[in-house]
Amino acid sequence: MDVEFWSDVVCPYCGLMDHRLHTAIDRFEHGARVRLVHRSFQLHPDLPREGVSQRALLVRYGVPQNEERVLRPLERLAEAEGLVPYHAVERTLGPTDLAHQLLAFASEQGRGAEIWTAMFRAHFGEARPFWTREDVLAFAAEVGLDRDDAAAALDSHRYRARVAADQRAAERLGAHGTPFVVLDGAYALNGAVSVDDLVAALRTAWTAGHHDLVPLADAGGTCTPDGCLVPRT
């Protein structure tokens, strides 16, 4: 069974959801037969290549209060689940087009899920930027990808269409932000739902045979191009 996970490197709910998905799949009794497929969804493609601070972006969107209302609680939640440290505030954000192209290259090498997780941990654990070619290639070398091959992939832009196609596919399915998960091509999860909810969703998708997209959850924390929203209660 495929679990498709649309996310962006700069989405703090996505870094948490990546951790939860791996945990849920490990806990699921048929987890060995689940394939986690990462797909790209760029939240801020128009940000400057040099990056901007998270605080400046909150001011730009007119929601500076979201630092304390949304992002600080999210940091505490992630740290309580073992992601220590987790920088949702003290970091920069930038365009992630090159990062997504590298991740598509890694997926083609059979290392997609591993490298996505490593990039989330580098960004939120170390506040690492991934906006420039050099940022991305330095990371590629650190995680054991061939730097010359990665550079050729970026310079040729051969994964650009794949990244764009991922985003169009999510939008056709009704996604307006990240994280967005589709299980077995049939069940949609919007937002960062809990591990328990993920395990229950995996069991539902495993045992049923629906072919139309069925929303299973739509109340988790979500990041959109306009910022991150607190989960509904």
Protein backbone atom coordinates (compact mmCIF):
# COMPACT_ATOMS: atom_id res chain seq x y z
CA MET A 1 0.00 0.00 0.00
CA ASP A 2 1.30 3.44 -0.90
CA VAL A 3 1.15 6.37 1.50
CA GLU A 4 1.70 9.59 -0.47
CA PHE A 5 2.94 12.50 1.63
CA TRP A 6 2.94 16.01 0.16
CA SER A 7 5.09 18.44 2.11
CA ASP A 8 7.55 21.29 1.99
CA VAL A 9 10.91 21.45 3.70
CA VAL A 10 9.99 24.71 5.46
CA CYS A 11 6.61 23.54 6.81
CA PRO A 12 7.07 22.84 10.54
CA TYR A 13 3.96 20.67 10.68
CA CYS A 14 5.49 18.60 7.87
CA GLY A 15 8.67 17.86 9.80
CA LEU A 16 6.50 16.66 12.68
CA MET A 17 4.23 14.68 10.35
CA ASP A 18 7.23 12.95 8.74
CA HIS A 19 8.25 11.73 12.19
CA ARG A 20 4.70 10.62 12.98
CA LEU A 21 4.28 8.78 9.69
CA HIS A 22 7.43 6.74 10.25
CA THR A 23 6.29 5.98 13.80
CA ALA A 24 2.80 4.97 12.66
CA ILE A 25 4.09 2.75 9.87
CA ASP A 26 6.44 1.03 12.31
CA ARG A 27 3.51 0.47 14.67
CA PHE A 28 1.10 -0.71 11.94
CA GLU A 29 0.90 -4.50 11.77
CA HIS A 30 1.30 -4.46 7.98
CA GLY A 31 3.92 -1.72 8.00
CA ALA A 32 6.45 -3.81 6.09
CA ARG A 33 4.10 -3.67 3.12
CA VAL A 34 3.60 0.10 3.23
CA ARG A 35 5.60 2.32 0.92
CA LEU A 36 6.01 5.95 1.98
CA VAL A 37 6.13 8.16 -1.13
CA HIS A 38 7.20 11.77 -0.63
CA ARG A 39 5.79 14.37 -2.99
CA SER A 40 6.61 18.05 -3.35
CA PHE A 41 4.45 21.05 -2.47
CA GLN A 42 6.22 24.42 -2.43
CA LEU A 43 4.73 26.94 -0.02
CA HIS A 44 6.87 30.01 -0.72
CA PRO A 45 8.40 29.79 -4.22
CA ASP A 46 8.62 33.58 -4.50
CA LEU A 47 10.81 34.21 -1.44
CA PRO A 48 14.24 35.73 -2.13
CA ARG A 49 17.08 33.28 -2.69
CA GLU A 50 18.99 34.71 0.29
CA GLY A 51 16.07 33.82 2.56
CA VAL A 52 14.05 35.79 5.12
CA SER A 53 13.57 35.25 8.83
CA GLN A 54 10.46 33.48 10.10
CA ARG A 55 9.63 36.54 12.22
CA ALA A 56 9.86 38.85 9.20
CA LEU A 57 7.53 36.56 7.28
CA LEU A 58 4.97 36.63 10.10
CA VAL A 59 5.09 40.43 10.05
CA ARG A 60 4.69 40.43 6.25
CA TYR A 61 1.57 38.29 6.58
CA GLY A 62 0.23 40.49 9.39
CA VAL A 63 0.21 37.66 11.94
CA PRO A 64 3.19 38.29 14.28
CA GLN A 65 1.09 36.83 17.12
CA ASN A 66 1.38 33.42 15.48
CA GLU A 67 4.89 33.09 16.88
CA GLU A 68 3.46 32.54 20.35
CA ARG A 69 0.03 31.25 19.31
CA VAL A 70 1.14 28.65 16.75
CA LEU A 71 4.88 28.17 16.33
CA ARG A 72 6.08 28.05 19.94
CA PRO A 73 3.43 25.45 20.90
CA LEU A 74 4.39 23.50 17.79
CA GLU A 75 8.04 23.51 18.88
CA ARG A 76 7.09 22.20 22.31
CA LEU A 77 4.89 19.52 20.76
CA ALA A 78 7.66 18.34 18.42
CA GLU A 79 10.21 18.28 21.24
CA ALA A 80 7.81 16.27 23.43
CA GLU A 81 7.73 13.68 20.63
CA GLY A 82 11.51 13.40 20.49
CA LEU A 83 12.47 16.02 17.91
CA VAL A 84 14.96 17.98 19.99
CA PRO A 85 15.68 20.76 19.24
CA TYR A 86 12.96 21.88 16.83
CA HIS A 87 13.36 25.40 15.42
CA ALA A 88 10.07 26.69 14.02
CA VAL A 89 10.85 30.34 14.88
CA GLU A 90 14.61 30.93 14.94
CA ARG A 91 15.26 30.08 11.29
CA THR A 92 15.11 31.53 7.81
CA LEU A 93 12.78 30.51 5.00
CA GLY A 94 13.46 30.65 1.30
CA PRO A 95 12.49 29.14 -2.04
CA THR A 96 12.69 25.35 -1.90
CA ASP A 97 12.71 24.59 -5.64
CA LEU A 98 16.32 23.36 -5.62
CA ALA A 99 15.77 21.35 -2.44
CA HIS A 100 12.78 19.61 -4.01
CA GLN A 101 14.75 18.85 -7.16
CA LEU A 102 17.49 17.27 -5.03
CA LEU A 103 14.87 15.27 -3.13
CA ALA A 104 13.42 14.01 -6.42
CA PHE A 105 16.94 12.99 -7.44
CA ALA A 106 17.36 11.15 -4.11
CA SER A 107 14.04 9.38 -4.63
CA GLU A 108 15.24 8.16 -8.00
CA GLN A 109 18.27 6.73 -6.20
CA GLY A 110 15.95 4.79 -3.89
CA ARG A 111 16.72 7.03 -0.92
CA GLY A 112 13.75 9.38 -0.97
CA ALA A 113 12.22 8.79 2.47
CA GLU A 114 15.64 8.74 4.14
CA ILE A 115 16.80 12.00 2.57
CA TRP A 116 13.51 13.80 3.17
CA THR A 117 13.79 12.95 6.87
CA ALA A 118 17.42 14.05 6.96
CA MET A 119 16.54 17.39 5.36
CA PHE A 120 13.69 17.99 7.80
CA ARG A 121 16.03 17.27 10.71
CA ALA A 122 18.74 19.53 9.30
CA HIS A 123 16.33 22.42 8.74
CA PHE A 124 14.31 22.21 11.96
CA GLY A 125 17.00 20.66 14.14
CA GLU A 126 19.87 22.90 13.02
CA ALA A 127 18.02 25.78 11.30
CA ARG A 128 19.91 24.91 8.11
CA PRO A 129 18.95 26.86 4.97
CA PHE A 130 18.39 25.04 1.67
CA TRP A 131 17.73 27.95 -0.68
CA THR A 132 20.86 28.08 -2.82
CA ARG A 133 22.64 25.62 -5.07
CA GLU A 134 25.60 25.46 -2.68
CA ASP A 135 23.34 24.88 0.35
CA VAL A 136 21.70 21.96 -1.40
CA LEU A 137 24.87 20.41 -2.81
CA ALA A 138 26.70 20.62 0.53
CA PHE A 139 23.82 18.72 2.12
CA ALA A 140 23.84 16.17 -0.72
CA ALA A 141 27.48 15.36 -0.04
CA GLU A 142 26.87 15.11 3.71
CA VAL A 143 24.12 12.51 3.31
CA GLY A 144 26.14 10.40 0.89
CA LEU A 145 24.66 11.43 -2.45
CA ASP A 146 27.15 11.86 -5.27
CA ARG A 147 27.76 15.62 -5.37
CA ASP A 148 28.68 15.71 -9.07
CA ASP A 149 25.58 13.75 -10.05
CA ALA A 150 23.44 15.94 -7.82
CA ALA A 151 24.95 19.07 -9.38
CA ALA A 152 24.23 17.74 -12.85
CA ALA A 153 20.63 17.04 -11.82
CA LEU A 154 20.18 20.59 -10.52
CA ASP A 155 21.91 22.26 -13.44
CA SER A 156 19.89 20.32 -16.01
CA HIS A 157 16.59 21.06 -14.20
CA ARG A 158 15.48 17.58 -15.18
CA TYR A 159 13.38 17.18 -12.03
CA ARG A 160 11.66 20.56 -12.28
CA ALA A 161 8.65 19.18 -14.16
CA ARG A 162 8.29 16.32 -11.67
CA VAL A 163 8.22 18.75 -8.74
CA ALA A 164 5.61 20.90 -10.46
CA ALA A 165 3.52 17.84 -11.34
CA ASP A 166 3.49 16.75 -7.68
CA GLN A 167 2.02 20.08 -6.65
CA ARG A 168 -0.61 20.07 -9.38
CA ALA A 169 -1.65 16.56 -8.35
CA ALA A 170 -2.15 17.65 -4.73
CA GLU A 171 -4.17 20.68 -5.79
CA ARG A 172 -6.41 18.52 -8.00
CA LEU A 173 -7.06 16.34 -4.94
CA GLY A 174 -8.13 19.39 -2.94
CA ALA A 175 -4.97 20.26 -1.03
CA HIS A 176 -4.38 23.92 -0.28
CA GLY A 177 -1.42 23.47 2.05
CA THR A 178 0.77 20.95 3.79
CA PRO A 179 1.03 18.34 5.18
CA PHE A 180 -1.35 16.41 2.93
CA VAL A 181 -1.45 12.62 2.93
CA VAL A 182 -3.30 10.17 0.69
CA LEU A 183 -3.46 6.50 1.67
CA ASP A 184 -3.91 3.83 -0.99
CA GLY A 185 -5.03 6.48 -3.48
CA ALA A 186 -8.35 6.78 -1.66
CA TYR A 187 -8.16 8.36 1.82
CA ALA A 188 -7.07 11.93 2.46
CA LEU A 189 -5.59 13.38 5.64
CA ASN A 190 -5.20 17.17 5.85
CA GLY A 191 -2.84 18.48 8.48
CA ALA A 192 -0.57 16.95 11.09
CA VAL A 193 -2.80 14.33 12.71
CA SER A 194 -1.69 12.16 15.63
CA VAL A 195 0.17 8.86 15.43
CA ASP A 196 -2.90 7.05 16.76
CA ASP A 197 -5.06 8.61 14.04
CA LEU A 198 -2.48 7.65 11.44
CA VAL A 199 -2.44 4.03 12.57
CA ALA A 200 -6.25 3.95 12.50
CA ALA A 201 -6.24 5.47 9.00
CA LEU A 202 -3.73 2.90 7.80
CA ARG A 203 -5.97 0.12 9.08
CA THR A 204 -9.02 1.64 7.39
CA ALA A 205 -7.23 1.99 4.07
CA TRP A 206 -5.81 -1.52 4.34
CA THR A 207 -9.14 -3.22 4.90
CA ALA A 208 -11.40 -1.17 2.59
CA GLY A 209 -11.51 -0.86 -1.16
CA HIS A 210 -12.79 2.63 -1.91
CA HIS A 211 -11.72 4.31 -5.14
CA ASP A 212 -12.99 7.86 -4.52
CA LEU A 213 -11.06 10.18 -2.24
CA VAL A 214 -12.57 9.99 1.26
CA PRO A 215 -11.54 12.58 3.87
CA LEU A 216 -10.51 10.84 7.08
CA ALA A 217 -9.26 13.88 8.94
CA ASP A 218 -9.26 17.62 8.38
CA ALA A 219 -8.40 19.23 11.67
CA GLY A 220 -4.63 19.00 11.99
CA GLY A 221 -2.12 21.82 11.98
CA THR A 222 -1.52 23.01 8.44
CA CYS A 223 0.86 25.35 6.65
CA THR A 224 -0.31 27.25 3.57
CA PRO A 225 1.41 29.93 1.47
CA ASP A 226 -0.18 32.42 3.90
CA GLY A 227 1.33 30.87 7.02
CA CYS A 228 0.78 28.08 9.54
CA LEU A 229 -2.54 27.54 11.32
CA VAL A 230 -3.13 26.07 14.74
CA PRO A 231 -5.04 22.74 14.80
CA ARG A 232 -8.80 23.03 15.30
CA THR A 233 -10.12 21.67 18.59
